[in-house]
Amino acid sequence: RTGSIHGLSRFSSLMNTFYRRHLGDEPYDWYPEPVKNMWNTVAKAKIPHPGSVIGQIALIGTMPIILEYVGAGYGFSRGFGGAAAGDGK
């Protein structure tokens, strides 16, 4: 379970590197000028970035399961890092 937490924290820091609140926010410097202009025009519409919307939906659906696994290890066999059954094995 510790490895899961470590992986989630590394993944979240990576996602913050590329985070864009709205579609077209802060176009990259290496984009050609016409492409930058197009993305700046799109950014004015303040359309939520599809990745953040899908990410929020995924978190809403999976967070209870993840927290239960990390906190107690219930629902998984010991081979997958689940809680011990109390049978001494």
PDB file of N, CA and C in Angstrom:
ATOM      1  N   ARG A   1       0.821  -1.196   0.000  1.00  0.00           N
ATOM      2  CA  ARG A   1       0.000   0.000   0.000  1.00  0.00           C
ATOM      3  C   ARG A   1       0.859   1.252   0.000  1.00  0.00           C
ATOM      4  N   THR A   2       2.026   1.166   0.596  1.00  0.00           N
ATOM      5  CA  THR A   2       2.927   2.319   0.590  1.00  0.00           C
ATOM      6  C   THR A   2       3.350   2.661  -0.828  1.00  0.00           C
ATOM      7  N   GLY A   3       3.578   1.632  -1.635  1.00  0.00           N
ATOM      8  CA  GLY A   3       3.939   1.863  -3.032  1.00  0.00           C
ATOM      9  C   GLY A   3       2.830   2.570  -3.796  1.00  0.00           C
ATOM     10  N   SER A   4       1.588   2.266  -3.454  1.00  0.00           N
ATOM     11  CA  SER A   4       0.465   2.940  -4.104  1.00  0.00           C
ATOM     12  C   SER A   4       0.462   4.427  -3.795  1.00  0.00           C
ATOM     13  N   ILE A   5       0.693   4.762  -2.533  1.00  0.00           N
ATOM     14  CA  ILE A   5       0.732   6.176  -2.137  1.00  0.00           C
ATOM     15  C   ILE A   5       1.887   6.889  -2.830  1.00  0.00           C
ATOM     16  N   HIS A   6       3.026   6.224  -2.866  1.00  0.00           N
ATOM     17  CA  HIS A   6       4.198   6.817  -3.513  1.00  0.00           C
ATOM     18  C   HIS A   6       3.910   7.071  -4.999  1.00  0.00           C
ATOM     19  N   GLY A   7       3.316   6.098  -5.667  1.00  0.00           N
ATOM     20  CA  GLY A   7       2.990   6.257  -7.082  1.00  0.00           C
ATOM     21  C   GLY A   7       1.976   7.357  -7.329  1.00  0.00           C
ATOM     22  N   LEU A   8       0.951   7.433  -6.481  1.00  0.00           N
ATOM     23  CA  LEU A   8      -0.061   8.487  -6.633  1.00  0.00           C
ATOM     24  C   LEU A   8       0.545   9.867  -6.432  1.00  0.00           C
ATOM     25  N   SER A   9       1.426  10.011  -5.448  1.00  0.00           N
ATOM     26  CA  SER A   9       2.020  11.326  -5.199  1.00  0.00           C
ATOM     27  C   SER A   9       2.958  11.736  -6.339  1.00  0.00           C
ATOM     28  N   ARG A  10       3.709  10.782  -6.885  1.00  0.00           N
ATOM     29  CA  ARG A  10       4.573  11.114  -8.020  1.00  0.00           C
ATOM     30  C   ARG A  10       3.747  11.486  -9.242  1.00  0.00           C
ATOM     31  N   PHE A  11       2.649  10.764  -9.455  1.00  0.00           N
ATOM     32  CA  PHE A  11       1.789  11.046 -10.595  1.00  0.00           C
ATOM     33  C   PHE A  11       1.150  12.428 -10.460  1.00  0.00           C
ATOM     34  N   SER A  12       0.725  12.790  -9.249  1.00  0.00           N
ATOM     35  CA  SER A  12       0.082  14.092  -9.065  1.00  0.00           C
ATOM     36  C   SER A  12       1.069  15.235  -9.313  1.00  0.00           C
ATOM     37  N   SER A  13       2.323  15.069  -8.910  1.00  0.00           N
ATOM     38  CA  SER A  13       3.299  16.131  -9.173  1.00  0.00           C
ATOM     39  C   SER A  13       3.580  16.253 -10.669  1.00  0.00           C
ATOM     40  N   LEU A  14       3.584  15.145 -11.371  1.00  0.00           N
ATOM     41  CA  LEU A  14       3.764  15.189 -12.822  1.00  0.00           C
ATOM     42  C   LEU A  14       2.586  15.888 -13.493  1.00  0.00           C
ATOM     43  N   MET A  15       1.376  15.605 -13.030  1.00  0.00           N
ATOM     44  CA  MET A  15       0.201  16.229 -13.623  1.00  0.00           C
ATOM     45  C   MET A  15       0.189  17.736 -13.370  1.00  0.00           C
ATOM     46  N   ASN A  16       0.681  18.192 -12.228  1.00  0.00           N
ATOM     47  CA  ASN A  16       0.739  19.624 -11.957  1.00  0.00           C
ATOM     48  C   ASN A  16       1.711  20.345 -12.879  1.00  0.00           C
ATOM     49  N   THR A  17       2.679  19.627 -13.418  1.00  0.00           N
ATOM     50  CA  THR A  17       3.619  20.222 -14.353  1.00  0.00           C
ATOM     51  C   THR A  17       2.924  20.637 -15.646  1.00  0.00           C
ATOM     52  N   PHE A  18       1.957  19.847 -16.077  1.00  0.00           N
ATOM     53  CA  PHE A  18       1.284  20.081 -17.357  1.00  0.00           C
ATOM     54  C   PHE A  18      -0.135  20.617 -17.208  1.00  0.00           C
ATOM     55  N   TYR A  19      -0.540  20.991 -16.004  1.00  0.00           N
ATOM     56  CA  TYR A  19      -1.932  21.358 -15.731  1.00  0.00           C
ATOM     57  C   TYR A  19      -2.346  22.612 -16.488  1.00  0.00           C
ATOM     58  N   ARG A  20      -3.498  22.563 -17.091  1.00  0.00           N
ATOM     59  CA  ARG A  20      -4.119  23.723 -17.734  1.00  0.00           C
ATOM     60  C   ARG A  20      -5.577  23.774 -17.278  1.00  0.00           C
ATOM     61  N   ARG A  21      -5.971  24.881 -16.648  1.00  0.00           N
ATOM     62  CA  ARG A  21      -7.333  24.995 -16.127  1.00  0.00           C
ATOM     63  C   ARG A  21      -8.365  25.035 -17.262  1.00  0.00           C
ATOM     64  N   HIS A  22      -8.068  25.828 -18.274  1.00  0.00           N
ATOM     65  CA  HIS A  22      -8.993  25.964 -19.400  1.00  0.00           C
ATOM     66  C   HIS A  22      -8.305  25.514 -20.684  1.00  0.00           C
ATOM     67  N   LEU A  23      -9.104  25.066 -21.617  1.00  0.00           N
ATOM     68  CA  LEU A  23      -8.586  24.641 -22.914  1.00  0.00           C
ATOM     69  C   LEU A  23      -7.912  25.829 -23.591  1.00  0.00           C
ATOM     70  N   GLY A  24      -6.655  25.677 -23.953  1.00  0.00           N
ATOM     71  CA  GLY A  24      -5.913  26.730 -24.633  1.00  0.00           C
ATOM     72  C   GLY A  24      -5.112  27.634 -23.725  1.00  0.00           C
ATOM     73  N   ASP A  25      -5.187  27.478 -22.405  1.00  0.00           N
ATOM     74  CA  ASP A  25      -4.404  28.310 -21.486  1.00  0.00           C
ATOM     75  C   ASP A  25      -2.917  28.117 -21.715  1.00  0.00           C
ATOM     76  N   GLU A  26      -2.191  29.200 -21.706  1.00  0.00           N
ATOM     77  CA  GLU A  26      -0.736  29.201 -21.775  1.00  0.00           C
ATOM     78  C   GLU A  26      -0.178  28.258 -22.844  1.00  0.00           C
ATOM     79  N   PRO A  27      -0.373  28.574 -24.115  1.00  0.00           N
ATOM     80  CA  PRO A  27       0.187  27.703 -25.160  1.00  0.00           C
ATOM     81  C   PRO A  27       1.713  27.628 -25.026  1.00  0.00           C
ATOM     82  N   TYR A  28       2.267  26.495 -25.368  1.00  0.00           N
ATOM     83  CA  TYR A  28       3.708  26.286 -25.244  1.00  0.00           C
ATOM     84  C   TYR A  28       4.485  27.226 -26.162  1.00  0.00           C
ATOM     85  N   ASP A  29       5.693  27.596 -25.750  1.00  0.00           N
ATOM     86  CA  ASP A  29       6.522  28.527 -26.525  1.00  0.00           C
ATOM     87  C   ASP A  29       6.947  27.964 -27.874  1.00  0.00           C
ATOM     88  N   TRP A  30       7.058  26.657 -27.975  1.00  0.00           N
ATOM     89  CA  TRP A  30       7.544  26.070 -29.226  1.00  0.00           C
ATOM     90  C   TRP A  30       6.455  25.940 -30.288  1.00  0.00           C
ATOM     91  N   TYR A  31       5.191  26.291 -29.942  1.00  0.00           N
ATOM     92  CA  TYR A  31       4.127  26.286 -30.951  1.00  0.00           C
ATOM     93  C   TYR A  31       4.405  27.362 -31.993  1.00  0.00           C
ATOM     94  N   PRO A  32       4.093  27.098 -33.270  1.00  0.00           N
ATOM     95  CA  PRO A  32       4.185  28.154 -34.284  1.00  0.00           C
ATOM     96  C   PRO A  32       3.202  29.285 -33.940  1.00  0.00           C
ATOM     97  N   GLU A  33       3.494  30.470 -34.389  1.00  0.00           N
ATOM     98  CA  GLU A  33       2.685  31.648 -34.040  1.00  0.00           C
ATOM     99  C   GLU A  33       1.199  31.494 -34.403  1.00  0.00           C
ATOM    100  N   PRO A  34       0.842  30.973 -35.576  1.00  0.00           N
ATOM    101  CA  PRO A  34      -0.594  30.819 -35.876  1.00  0.00           C
ATOM    102  C   PRO A  34      -1.298  29.866 -34.897  1.00  0.00           C
ATOM    103  N   VAL A  35      -0.600  28.835 -34.456  1.00  0.00           N
ATOM    104  CA  VAL A  35      -1.192  27.882 -33.511  1.00  0.00           C
ATOM    105  C   VAL A  35      -1.367  28.545 -32.147  1.00  0.00           C
ATOM    106  N   LYS A  36      -0.384  29.337 -31.718  1.00  0.00           N
ATOM    107  CA  LYS A  36      -0.517  30.074 -30.458  1.00  0.00           C
ATOM    108  C   LYS A  36      -1.723  31.003 -30.494  1.00  0.00           C
ATOM    109  N   ASN A  37      -1.876  31.710 -31.613  1.00  0.00           N
ATOM    110  CA  ASN A  37      -3.015  32.629 -31.756  1.00  0.00           C
ATOM    111  C   ASN A  37      -4.335  31.875 -31.683  1.00  0.00           C
ATOM    112  N   MET A  38      -4.387  30.712 -32.322  1.00  0.00           N
ATOM    113  CA  MET A  38      -5.616  29.907 -32.288  1.00  0.00           C
ATOM    114  C   MET A  38      -5.939  29.495 -30.850  1.00  0.00           C
ATOM    115  N   TRP A  39      -4.923  29.018 -30.098  1.00  0.00           N
ATOM    116  CA  TRP A  39      -5.157  28.585 -28.721  1.00  0.00           C
ATOM    117  C   TRP A  39      -5.513  29.760 -27.812  1.00  0.00           C
ATOM    118  N   ASN A  40      -4.935  30.937 -28.065  1.00  0.00           N
ATOM    119  CA  ASN A  40      -5.310  32.119 -27.284  1.00  0.00           C
ATOM    120  C   ASN A  40      -6.765  32.493 -27.523  1.00  0.00           C
ATOM    121  N   THR A  41      -7.229  32.328 -28.757  1.00  0.00           N
ATOM    122  CA  THR A  41      -8.638  32.594 -29.066  1.00  0.00           C
ATOM    123  C   THR A  41      -9.537  31.590 -28.350  1.00  0.00           C
ATOM    124  N   VAL A  42      -9.155  30.332 -28.361  1.00  0.00           N
ATOM    125  CA  VAL A  42      -9.928  29.302 -27.666  1.00  0.00           C
ATOM    126  C   VAL A  42      -9.942  29.560 -26.163  1.00  0.00           C
ATOM    127  N   ALA A  43      -8.823  30.028 -25.610  1.00  0.00           N
ATOM    128  CA  ALA A  43      -8.719  30.261 -24.162  1.00  0.00           C
ATOM    129  C   ALA A  43      -9.686  31.346 -23.696  1.00  0.00           C
ATOM    130  N   LYS A  44      -9.998  32.298 -24.564  1.00  0.00           N
ATOM    131  CA  LYS A  44     -10.933  33.372 -24.189  1.00  0.00           C
ATOM    132  C   LYS A  44     -12.327  32.847 -23.889  1.00  0.00           C
ATOM    133  N   ALA A  45     -12.680  31.688 -24.442  1.00  0.00           N
ATOM    134  CA  ALA A  45     -14.007  31.097 -24.207  1.00  0.00           C
ATOM    135  C   ALA A  45     -14.110  30.449 -22.828  1.00  0.00           C
ATOM    136  N   LYS A  46     -12.969  30.245 -22.121  1.00  0.00           N
ATOM    137  CA  LYS A  46     -12.934  29.658 -20.771  1.00  0.00           C
ATOM    138  C   LYS A  46     -13.615  28.292 -20.716  1.00  0.00           C
ATOM    139  N   ILE A  47     -13.327  27.450 -21.695  1.00  0.00           N
ATOM    140  CA  ILE A  47     -13.858  26.084 -21.731  1.00  0.00           C
ATOM    141  C   ILE A  47     -13.028  25.233 -20.775  1.00  0.00           C
ATOM    142  N   PRO A  48     -13.652  24.561 -19.803  1.00  0.00           N
ATOM    143  CA  PRO A  48     -12.865  23.713 -18.897  1.00  0.00           C
ATOM    144  C   PRO A  48     -12.104  22.656 -19.687  1.00  0.00           C
ATOM    145  N   HIS A  49     -10.869  22.420 -19.257  1.00  0.00           N
ATOM    146  CA  HIS A  49     -10.046  21.433 -19.952  1.00  0.00           C
ATOM    147  C   HIS A  49     -10.670  20.048 -19.792  1.00  0.00           C
ATOM    148  N   PRO A  50     -10.852  19.297 -20.894  1.00  0.00           N
ATOM    149  CA  PRO A  50     -11.508  17.984 -20.805  1.00  0.00           C
ATOM    150  C   PRO A  50     -10.790  17.019 -19.866  1.00  0.00           C
ATOM    151  N   GLY A  51      -9.465  17.100 -19.789  1.00  0.00           N
ATOM    152  CA  GLY A  51      -8.725  16.204 -18.913  1.00  0.00           C
ATOM    153  C   GLY A  51      -9.060  16.416 -17.447  1.00  0.00           C
ATOM    154  N   SER A  52      -9.256  17.674 -17.049  1.00  0.00           N
ATOM    155  CA  SER A  52      -9.595  17.927 -15.646  1.00  0.00           C
ATOM    156  C   SER A  52     -11.018  17.482 -15.335  1.00  0.00           C
ATOM    157  N   VAL A  53     -11.923  17.629 -16.291  1.00  0.00           N
ATOM    158  CA  VAL A  53     -13.303  17.188 -16.078  1.00  0.00           C
ATOM    159  C   VAL A  53     -13.355  15.662 -15.928  1.00  0.00           C
ATOM    160  N   ILE A  54     -12.683  14.953 -16.816  1.00  0.00           N
ATOM    161  CA  ILE A  54     -12.660  13.487 -16.751  1.00  0.00           C
ATOM    162  C   ILE A  54     -11.934  13.025 -15.492  1.00  0.00           C
ATOM    163  N   GLY A  55     -10.858  13.730 -15.125  1.00  0.00           N
ATOM    164  CA  GLY A  55     -10.135  13.393 -13.903  1.00  0.00           C
ATOM    165  C   GLY A  55     -10.992  13.540 -12.659  1.00  0.00           C
ATOM    166  N   GLN A  56     -11.798  14.589 -12.599  1.00  0.00           N
ATOM    167  CA  GLN A  56     -12.699  14.784 -11.461  1.00  0.00           C
ATOM    168  C   GLN A  56     -13.730  13.670 -11.385  1.00  0.00           C
ATOM    169  N   ILE A  57     -14.269  13.282 -12.515  1.00  0.00           N
ATOM    170  CA  ILE A  57     -15.253  12.192 -12.533  1.00  0.00           C
ATOM    171  C   ILE A  57     -14.604  10.889 -12.075  1.00  0.00           C
ATOM    172  N   ALA A  58     -13.387  10.629 -12.550  1.00  0.00           N
ATOM    173  CA  ALA A  58     -12.683   9.407 -12.148  1.00  0.00           C
ATOM    174  C   ALA A  58     -12.400   9.407 -10.648  1.00  0.00           C
ATOM    175  N   LEU A  59     -12.000  10.544 -10.095  1.00  0.00           N
ATOM    176  CA  LEU A  59     -11.731  10.615  -8.658  1.00  0.00           C
ATOM    177  C   LEU A  59     -12.995  10.427  -7.833  1.00  0.00           C
ATOM    178  N   ILE A  60     -14.088  11.014  -8.275  1.00  0.00           N
ATOM    179  CA  ILE A  60     -15.352  10.842  -7.552  1.00  0.00           C
ATOM    180  C   ILE A  60     -15.728   9.366  -7.495  1.00  0.00           C
ATOM    181  N   GLY A  61     -15.498   8.644  -8.582  1.00  0.00           N
ATOM    182  CA  GLY A  61     -15.871   7.235  -8.637  1.00  0.00           C
ATOM    183  C   GLY A  61     -14.923   6.301  -7.912  1.00  0.00           C
ATOM    184  N   THR A  62     -13.639   6.679  -7.838  1.00  0.00           N
ATOM    185  CA  THR A  62     -12.657   5.742  -7.286  1.00  0.00           C
ATOM    186  C   THR A  62     -12.108   6.117  -5.916  1.00  0.00           C
ATOM    187  N   MET A  63     -12.292   7.334  -5.459  1.00  0.00           N
ATOM    188  CA  MET A  63     -11.673   7.755  -4.206  1.00  0.00           C
ATOM    189  C   MET A  63     -12.098   6.918  -3.002  1.00  0.00           C
ATOM    190  N   PRO A  64     -13.373   6.566  -2.824  1.00  0.00           N
ATOM    191  CA  PRO A  64     -13.717   5.723  -1.676  1.00  0.00           C
ATOM    192  C   PRO A  64     -12.978   4.379  -1.681  1.00  0.00           C
ATOM    193  N   ILE A  65     -12.848   3.769  -2.846  1.00  0.00           N
ATOM    194  CA  ILE A  65     -12.159   2.481  -2.949  1.00  0.00           C
ATOM    195  C   ILE A  65     -10.676   2.656  -2.634  1.00  0.00           C
ATOM    196  N   ILE A  66     -10.060   3.710  -3.178  1.00  0.00           N
ATOM    197  CA  ILE A  66      -8.641   3.952  -2.940  1.00  0.00           C
ATOM    198  C   ILE A  66      -8.375   4.203  -1.463  1.00  0.00           C
ATOM    199  N   LEU A  67      -9.194   5.040  -0.839  1.00  0.00           N
ATOM    200  CA  LEU A  67      -8.988   5.344   0.581  1.00  0.00           C
ATOM    201  C   LEU A  67      -9.213   4.120   1.460  1.00  0.00           C
ATOM    202  N   GLU A  68     -10.173   3.288   1.106  1.00  0.00           N
ATOM    203  CA  GLU A  68     -10.393   2.067   1.874  1.00  0.00           C
ATOM    204  C   GLU A  68      -9.196   1.129   1.749  1.00  0.00           C
ATOM    205  N   TYR A  69      -8.649   1.033   0.552  1.00  0.00           N
ATOM    206  CA  TYR A  69      -7.484   0.179   0.337  1.00  0.00           C
ATOM    207  C   TYR A  69      -6.269   0.700   1.099  1.00  0.00           C
ATOM    208  N   VAL A  70      -6.011   2.002   0.999  1.00  0.00           N
ATOM    209  CA  VAL A  70      -4.843   2.579   1.653  1.00  0.00           C
ATOM    210  C   VAL A  70      -4.996   2.543   3.170  1.00  0.00           C
ATOM    211  N   GLY A  71      -6.176   2.869   3.649  1.00  0.00           N
ATOM    212  CA  GLY A  71      -6.379   2.948   5.094  1.00  0.00           C
ATOM    213  C   GLY A  71      -6.450   1.612   5.780  1.00  0.00           C
ATOM    214  N   ALA A  72      -7.104   0.638   5.167  1.00  0.00           N
ATOM    215  CA  ALA A  72      -7.331  -0.619   5.867  1.00  0.00           C
ATOM    216  C   ALA A  72      -6.970  -1.852   5.052  1.00  0.00           C
ATOM    217  N   GLY A  73      -6.885  -1.741   3.759  1.00  0.00           N
ATOM    218  CA  GLY A  73      -6.542  -2.888   2.931  1.00  0.00           C
ATOM    219  C   GLY A  73      -7.692  -3.854   2.740  1.00  0.00           C
ATOM    220  N   TYR A  74      -8.908  -3.419   3.026  1.00  0.00           N
ATOM    221  CA  TYR A  74     -10.058  -4.304   2.867  1.00  0.00           C
ATOM    222  C   TYR A  74     -10.399  -4.487   1.398  1.00  0.00           C
ATOM    223  N   GLY A  75     -10.934  -5.636   1.086  1.00  0.00           N
ATOM    224  CA  GLY A  75     -11.402  -5.882  -0.270  1.00  0.00           C
ATOM    225  C   GLY A  75     -10.352  -6.475  -1.192  1.00  0.00           C
ATOM    226  N   PHE A  76      -9.124  -6.644  -0.712  1.00  0.00           N
ATOM    227  CA  PHE A  76      -8.062  -7.215  -1.531  1.00  0.00           C
ATOM    228  C   PHE A  76      -7.433  -8.380  -0.775  1.00  0.00           C
ATOM    229  N   SER A  77      -6.979  -9.371  -1.517  1.00  0.00           N
ATOM    230  CA  SER A  77      -6.292 -10.479  -0.864  1.00  0.00           C
ATOM    231  C   SER A  77      -4.922 -10.015  -0.387  1.00  0.00           C
ATOM    232  N   ARG A  78      -4.324 -10.771   0.517  1.00  0.00           N
ATOM    233  CA  ARG A  78      -3.016 -10.391   1.050  1.00  0.00           C
ATOM    234  C   ARG A  78      -1.968 -10.349  -0.050  1.00  0.00           C
ATOM    235  N   GLY A  79      -2.139 -11.142  -1.085  1.00  0.00           N
ATOM    236  CA  GLY A  79      -1.191 -11.124  -2.197  1.00  0.00           C
ATOM    237  C   GLY A  79      -1.138  -9.784  -2.907  1.00  0.00           C
ATOM    238  N   PHE A  80      -2.229  -9.039  -2.846  1.00  0.00           N
ATOM    239  CA  PHE A  80      -2.290  -7.709  -3.455  1.00  0.00           C
ATOM    240  C   PHE A  80      -2.118  -6.608  -2.421  1.00  0.00           C
ATOM    241  N   GLY A  81      -1.663  -6.958  -1.229  1.00  0.00           N
ATOM    242  CA  GLY A  81      -1.428  -5.955  -0.190  1.00  0.00           C
ATOM    243  C   GLY A  81      -2.609  -5.713   0.705  1.00  0.00           C
ATOM    244  N   GLY A  82      -3.581  -6.619   0.703  1.00  0.00           N
ATOM    245  CA  GLY A  82      -4.760  -6.465   1.542  1.00  0.00           C
ATOM    246  C   GLY A  82      -4.480  -6.760   3.005  1.00  0.00           C
ATOM    247  N   ALA A  83      -5.480  -6.541   3.821  1.00  0.00           N
ATOM    248  CA  ALA A  83      -5.338  -6.729   5.259  1.00  0.00           C
ATOM    249  C   ALA A  83      -5.222  -8.221   5.587  1.00  0.00           C
ATOM    250  N   ALA A  84      -4.525  -8.507   6.688  1.00  0.00           N
ATOM    251  CA  ALA A  84      -4.401  -9.884   7.145  1.00  0.00           C
ATOM    252  C   ALA A  84      -5.751 -10.399   7.642  1.00  0.00           C
ATOM    253  N   ALA A  85      -5.968 -11.715   7.481  1.00  0.00           N
ATOM    254  CA  ALA A  85      -7.245 -12.320   7.864  1.00  0.00           C
ATOM    255  C   ALA A  85      -7.301 -12.643   9.359  1.00  0.00           C
ATOM    256  N   GLY A  86      -6.188 -12.523  10.049  1.00  0.00           N
ATOM    257  CA  GLY A  86      -6.161 -12.822  11.473  1.00  0.00           C
ATOM    258  C   GLY A  86      -5.990 -14.297  11.753  1.00  0.00           C
ATOM    259  N   ASP A  87      -5.601 -15.069  10.751  1.00  0.00           N
ATOM    260  CA  ASP A  87      -5.433 -16.493  10.941  1.00  0.00           C
ATOM    261  C   ASP A  87      -3.971 -16.881  11.188  1.00  0.00           C
ATOM    262  N   GLY A  88      -3.114 -15.875  11.392  1.00  0.00           N
ATOM    263  CA  GLY A  88      -1.716 -16.122  11.696  1.00  0.00           C
ATOM    264  C   GLY A  88      -0.850 -16.461  10.496  1.00  0.00           C
ATOM    265  N   LYS A  89      -1.392 -16.398   9.306  1.00  0.00           N
ATOM    266  CA  LYS A  89      -0.623 -16.714   8.097  1.00  0.00           C
ATOM    267  C   LYS A  89      -0.150 -15.458   7.420  1.00  0.00           C
TER     268      LYS A  89
END
